[in-house]
Amino acid sequence: MTLEEARKLLGLDLKATRKEIRAAYRRAARRWHPDRAPARREEEYREKMQQVNAAYQRIIQFIEEYRFELVDRSSPEDVQQWWQDRFFSGVWTPPPPPDPEEDQE
């Protein structure tokens, strides 16, 4: 199953938090659980539930194995902006600005 197929099966947008992924999985599991199947449709629901489980596992695997690009950029990246974009929640302060004397070597 591709990541796109998994995302569509769970009804997720291109960007999602872990919380949104878990909620989408639970909604799909409630919808397709074999115990909720109408009479004579248990097998269909069982197959759909297996697809939902596979989609959730595929997305979780992607999240766990995601790698960041570790390359130098041609222009220096603003460390404070990078930190704020990824981690700022208002609880902690961003890292201190770089020391200009450090770059003069």
N, C-alpha and C. Protein backbone atom coordinates (compact mmCIF):
# COMPACT_ATOMS: atom_id res chain seq x y z
N MET A 1 0.85 -1.17 0.00
CA MET A 1 0.00 0.00 0.00
C MET A 1 0.90 1.24 0.00
N THR A 2 0.60 2.16 -0.88
CA THR A 2 1.39 3.39 -0.94
C THR A 2 0.92 4.34 0.15
N LEU A 3 1.75 5.31 0.41
CA LEU A 3 1.41 6.31 1.43
C LEU A 3 0.18 7.11 1.01
N GLU A 4 0.07 7.41 -0.28
CA GLU A 4 -1.08 8.16 -0.77
C GLU A 4 -2.37 7.36 -0.60
N GLU A 5 -2.31 6.06 -0.91
CA GLU A 5 -3.49 5.21 -0.74
C GLU A 5 -3.89 5.14 0.73
N ALA A 6 -2.90 5.02 1.60
CA ALA A 6 -3.18 4.96 3.04
C ALA A 6 -3.82 6.26 3.52
N ARG A 7 -3.27 7.37 3.05
CA ARG A 7 -3.79 8.68 3.45
C ARG A 7 -5.24 8.84 3.00
N LYS A 8 -5.52 8.45 1.77
CA LYS A 8 -6.89 8.57 1.23
C LYS A 8 -7.86 7.65 1.96
N LEU A 9 -7.42 6.44 2.27
CA LEU A 9 -8.28 5.48 2.95
C LEU A 9 -8.69 6.00 4.33
N LEU A 10 -7.77 6.68 5.01
CA LEU A 10 -8.08 7.23 6.33
C LEU A 10 -8.67 8.63 6.25
N GLY A 11 -8.73 9.21 5.06
CA GLY A 11 -9.32 10.53 4.89
C GLY A 11 -8.46 11.65 5.46
N LEU A 12 -7.15 11.54 5.29
CA LEU A 12 -6.22 12.54 5.82
C LEU A 12 -5.78 13.51 4.73
N ASP A 13 -5.48 14.74 5.13
CA ASP A 13 -4.92 15.73 4.22
C ASP A 13 -3.44 15.44 4.02
N LEU A 14 -2.77 16.28 3.23
CA LEU A 14 -1.34 16.10 3.00
C LEU A 14 -0.52 16.30 4.25
N LYS A 15 -1.00 17.12 5.17
CA LYS A 15 -0.30 17.34 6.44
C LYS A 15 -1.23 16.92 7.57
N ALA A 16 -0.67 16.18 8.52
CA ALA A 16 -1.48 15.73 9.66
C ALA A 16 -0.58 15.50 10.86
N THR A 17 -1.13 15.76 12.02
CA THR A 17 -0.41 15.49 13.26
C THR A 17 -0.67 14.04 13.66
N ARG A 18 0.12 13.56 14.62
CA ARG A 18 -0.12 12.21 15.14
C ARG A 18 -1.54 12.09 15.70
N LYS A 19 -1.99 13.13 16.36
CA LYS A 19 -3.32 13.13 16.95
C LYS A 19 -4.40 13.00 15.86
N GLU A 20 -4.23 13.72 14.76
CA GLU A 20 -5.19 13.65 13.66
C GLU A 20 -5.16 12.27 12.98
N ILE A 21 -3.96 11.70 12.88
CA ILE A 21 -3.83 10.37 12.27
C ILE A 21 -4.54 9.33 13.14
N ARG A 22 -4.30 9.41 14.45
CA ARG A 22 -4.94 8.47 15.37
C ARG A 22 -6.46 8.62 15.35
N ALA A 23 -6.94 9.86 15.30
CA ALA A 23 -8.39 10.10 15.26
C ALA A 23 -9.00 9.56 13.96
N ALA A 24 -8.31 9.76 12.85
CA ALA A 24 -8.80 9.25 11.56
C ALA A 24 -8.86 7.72 11.58
N TYR A 25 -7.84 7.10 12.17
CA TYR A 25 -7.83 5.64 12.27
C TYR A 25 -9.00 5.15 13.12
N ARG A 26 -9.23 5.81 14.24
CA ARG A 26 -10.33 5.38 15.12
C ARG A 26 -11.69 5.55 14.46
N ARG A 27 -11.84 6.64 13.70
CA ARG A 27 -13.11 6.83 12.98
C ARG A 27 -13.32 5.70 11.97
N ALA A 28 -12.28 5.40 11.21
CA ALA A 28 -12.38 4.33 10.20
C ALA A 28 -12.61 2.98 10.87
N ALA A 29 -11.95 2.75 12.00
CA ALA A 29 -12.12 1.47 12.71
C ALA A 29 -13.55 1.33 13.24
N ARG A 30 -14.11 2.42 13.75
CA ARG A 30 -15.51 2.36 14.20
C ARG A 30 -16.45 2.09 13.03
N ARG A 31 -16.15 2.69 11.90
CA ARG A 31 -17.01 2.55 10.72
C ARG A 31 -16.96 1.13 10.15
N TRP A 32 -15.74 0.54 10.09
CA TRP A 32 -15.56 -0.72 9.38
C TRP A 32 -15.33 -1.93 10.27
N HIS A 33 -15.50 -1.82 11.56
CA HIS A 33 -15.25 -2.96 12.43
C HIS A 33 -16.26 -4.08 12.10
N PRO A 34 -15.78 -5.31 11.99
CA PRO A 34 -16.67 -6.43 11.62
C PRO A 34 -17.84 -6.64 12.58
N ASP A 35 -17.68 -6.27 13.84
CA ASP A 35 -18.79 -6.43 14.79
C ASP A 35 -19.96 -5.50 14.46
N ARG A 36 -19.71 -4.47 13.68
CA ARG A 36 -20.78 -3.52 13.32
C ARG A 36 -21.36 -3.81 11.95
N ALA A 37 -20.93 -4.88 11.32
CA ALA A 37 -21.37 -5.20 9.96
C ALA A 37 -22.83 -5.64 9.94
N PRO A 38 -23.57 -5.20 8.92
CA PRO A 38 -24.93 -5.70 8.74
C PRO A 38 -24.90 -7.19 8.39
N ALA A 39 -26.01 -7.81 8.48
CA ALA A 39 -26.10 -9.25 8.19
C ALA A 39 -25.56 -9.57 6.80
N ARG A 40 -24.80 -10.63 6.71
CA ARG A 40 -24.22 -11.15 5.47
C ARG A 40 -23.19 -10.22 4.83
N ARG A 41 -22.67 -9.24 5.56
CA ARG A 41 -21.62 -8.36 5.01
C ARG A 41 -20.38 -8.38 5.91
N GLU A 42 -20.29 -9.38 6.78
CA GLU A 42 -19.18 -9.46 7.73
C GLU A 42 -17.83 -9.57 7.02
N GLU A 43 -17.78 -10.36 5.96
CA GLU A 43 -16.51 -10.55 5.24
C GLU A 43 -16.04 -9.25 4.59
N GLU A 44 -16.96 -8.51 4.00
CA GLU A 44 -16.62 -7.21 3.40
C GLU A 44 -16.03 -6.27 4.45
N TYR A 45 -16.67 -6.22 5.60
CA TYR A 45 -16.20 -5.35 6.68
C TYR A 45 -14.85 -5.83 7.22
N ARG A 46 -14.67 -7.13 7.29
CA ARG A 46 -13.40 -7.68 7.77
C ARG A 46 -12.26 -7.27 6.83
N GLU A 47 -12.49 -7.39 5.53
CA GLU A 47 -11.47 -7.00 4.55
C GLU A 47 -11.17 -5.50 4.62
N LYS A 48 -12.22 -4.70 4.76
CA LYS A 48 -12.03 -3.24 4.84
C LYS A 48 -11.27 -2.89 6.11
N MET A 49 -11.56 -3.57 7.21
CA MET A 49 -10.85 -3.31 8.46
C MET A 49 -9.38 -3.67 8.34
N GLN A 50 -9.08 -4.73 7.62
CA GLN A 50 -7.68 -5.10 7.38
C GLN A 50 -6.96 -4.02 6.56
N GLN A 51 -7.66 -3.44 5.61
CA GLN A 51 -7.09 -2.34 4.82
C GLN A 51 -6.85 -1.11 5.70
N VAL A 52 -7.79 -0.81 6.58
CA VAL A 52 -7.65 0.33 7.49
C VAL A 52 -6.44 0.12 8.40
N ASN A 53 -6.30 -1.09 8.94
CA ASN A 53 -5.14 -1.39 9.79
C ASN A 53 -3.84 -1.26 9.02
N ALA A 54 -3.81 -1.75 7.79
CA ALA A 54 -2.60 -1.66 6.98
C ALA A 54 -2.26 -0.21 6.65
N ALA A 55 -3.29 0.60 6.37
CA ALA A 55 -3.06 2.01 6.07
C ALA A 55 -2.49 2.73 7.28
N TYR A 56 -3.04 2.47 8.44
CA TYR A 56 -2.55 3.11 9.67
C TYR A 56 -1.10 2.70 9.94
N GLN A 57 -0.80 1.41 9.80
CA GLN A 57 0.56 0.94 10.02
C GLN A 57 1.53 1.56 9.02
N ARG A 58 1.12 1.73 7.78
CA ARG A 58 1.98 2.34 6.74
C ARG A 58 2.30 3.79 7.09
N ILE A 59 1.31 4.54 7.54
CA ILE A 59 1.53 5.94 7.90
C ILE A 59 2.41 6.04 9.13
N ILE A 60 2.16 5.23 10.13
CA ILE A 60 2.98 5.25 11.35
C ILE A 60 4.43 4.86 11.02
N GLN A 61 4.60 3.89 10.16
CA GLN A 61 5.96 3.49 9.75
C GLN A 61 6.66 4.66 9.07
N PHE A 62 5.95 5.37 8.21
CA PHE A 62 6.54 6.52 7.52
C PHE A 62 6.96 7.59 8.53
N ILE A 63 6.13 7.86 9.50
CA ILE A 63 6.45 8.87 10.52
C ILE A 63 7.69 8.47 11.30
N GLU A 64 7.76 7.22 11.70
CA GLU A 64 8.88 6.76 12.51
C GLU A 64 10.19 6.74 11.73
N GLU A 65 10.12 6.51 10.43
CA GLU A 65 11.33 6.38 9.64
C GLU A 65 11.67 7.64 8.84
N TYR A 66 10.93 8.72 9.06
CA TYR A 66 11.18 9.96 8.32
C TYR A 66 12.57 10.47 8.63
N ARG A 67 13.26 10.91 7.61
CA ARG A 67 14.61 11.43 7.79
C ARG A 67 14.66 12.87 7.33
N PHE A 68 15.44 13.66 8.05
CA PHE A 68 15.63 15.05 7.68
C PHE A 68 16.84 15.16 6.76
N GLU A 69 16.81 16.11 5.88
CA GLU A 69 17.91 16.38 4.99
C GLU A 69 19.04 17.05 5.77
N LEU A 70 20.20 16.45 5.78
CA LEU A 70 21.33 16.99 6.51
C LEU A 70 22.38 17.49 5.53
N VAL A 71 22.09 18.61 4.91
CA VAL A 71 23.01 19.20 3.94
C VAL A 71 23.19 20.67 4.27
N ASP A 72 24.38 21.17 3.91
CA ASP A 72 24.63 22.60 4.08
C ASP A 72 23.87 23.37 3.02
N ARG A 73 23.33 24.46 3.41
CA ARG A 73 22.64 25.35 2.47
C ARG A 73 23.63 26.40 1.98
N SER A 74 23.38 26.94 0.81
CA SER A 74 24.28 27.95 0.27
C SER A 74 24.26 29.21 1.12
N SER A 75 23.11 29.54 1.65
CA SER A 75 23.03 30.69 2.55
C SER A 75 22.73 30.17 3.96
N PRO A 76 23.30 30.80 4.97
CA PRO A 76 23.06 30.30 6.32
C PRO A 76 21.58 30.43 6.70
N GLU A 77 21.08 29.42 7.33
CA GLU A 77 19.69 29.41 7.75
C GLU A 77 19.56 30.12 9.09
N ASP A 78 18.50 30.85 9.27
CA ASP A 78 18.26 31.54 10.52
C ASP A 78 17.88 30.50 11.57
N VAL A 79 18.77 30.25 12.53
CA VAL A 79 18.57 29.22 13.53
C VAL A 79 17.32 29.50 14.37
N GLN A 80 17.14 30.74 14.75
CA GLN A 80 15.97 31.06 15.57
C GLN A 80 14.68 30.81 14.82
N GLN A 81 14.63 31.16 13.53
CA GLN A 81 13.42 30.93 12.75
C GLN A 81 13.19 29.43 12.56
N TRP A 82 14.27 28.68 12.31
CA TRP A 82 14.15 27.23 12.16
C TRP A 82 13.57 26.62 13.43
N TRP A 83 14.10 27.02 14.58
CA TRP A 83 13.63 26.49 15.85
C TRP A 83 12.17 26.87 16.08
N GLN A 84 11.84 28.11 15.81
CA GLN A 84 10.48 28.58 16.04
C GLN A 84 9.48 27.85 15.15
N ASP A 85 9.86 27.62 13.89
CA ASP A 85 8.96 26.91 12.96
C ASP A 85 8.67 25.49 13.41
N ARG A 86 9.60 24.85 14.09
CA ARG A 86 9.44 23.44 14.43
C ARG A 86 9.03 23.17 15.87
N PHE A 87 9.50 23.99 16.80
CA PHE A 87 9.32 23.64 18.20
C PHE A 87 8.66 24.70 19.07
N PHE A 88 8.54 25.90 18.62
CA PHE A 88 8.04 26.96 19.49
C PHE A 88 6.59 26.71 19.90
N SER A 89 6.38 26.69 21.18
CA SER A 89 5.02 26.51 21.69
C SER A 89 4.69 27.58 22.72
N GLY A 90 5.62 28.47 22.99
CA GLY A 90 5.40 29.51 23.98
C GLY A 90 5.88 29.12 25.36
N VAL A 91 6.27 27.86 25.55
CA VAL A 91 6.72 27.39 26.85
C VAL A 91 8.21 27.66 27.04
N TRP A 92 8.98 27.32 26.01
CA TRP A 92 10.43 27.52 26.09
C TRP A 92 10.84 28.65 25.16
N THR A 93 11.98 29.20 25.44
CA THR A 93 12.49 30.26 24.57
C THR A 93 13.38 29.64 23.50
N PRO A 94 13.55 30.33 22.38
CA PRO A 94 14.40 29.80 21.32
C PRO A 94 15.87 29.84 21.75
N PRO A 95 16.73 29.13 21.04
CA PRO A 95 18.14 29.13 21.40
C PRO A 95 18.73 30.52 21.22
N PRO A 96 19.82 30.79 21.89
CA PRO A 96 20.43 32.12 21.77
C PRO A 96 20.96 32.33 20.36
N PRO A 97 21.05 33.59 19.91
CA PRO A 97 21.57 33.85 18.57
C PRO A 97 23.04 33.43 18.47
N PRO A 98 23.51 33.13 17.27
CA PRO A 98 24.89 32.69 17.11
C PRO A 98 25.87 33.80 17.50
N ASP A 99 27.02 33.39 18.00
CA ASP A 99 28.05 34.33 18.39
C ASP A 99 28.81 34.80 17.16
N PRO A 100 28.79 36.11 16.83
CA PRO A 100 29.47 36.58 15.61
C PRO A 100 30.98 36.38 15.67
N GLU A 101 31.59 36.36 16.85
CA GLU A 101 33.02 36.17 16.97
C GLU A 101 33.42 34.75 16.61
N GLU A 102 32.51 33.83 16.76
CA GLU A 102 32.78 32.42 16.47
C GLU A 102 33.05 32.20 14.97
N ASP A 103 32.41 32.98 14.09
CA ASP A 103 32.54 32.82 12.64
C ASP A 103 33.81 33.48 12.10
N GLN A 104 34.56 34.21 12.89
CA GLN A 104 35.72 34.95 12.40
C GLN A 104 37.00 34.13 12.36
N GLU A 105 36.95 32.87 12.50
CA GLU A 105 38.14 32.03 12.45
C GLU A 105 38.69 31.85 11.08
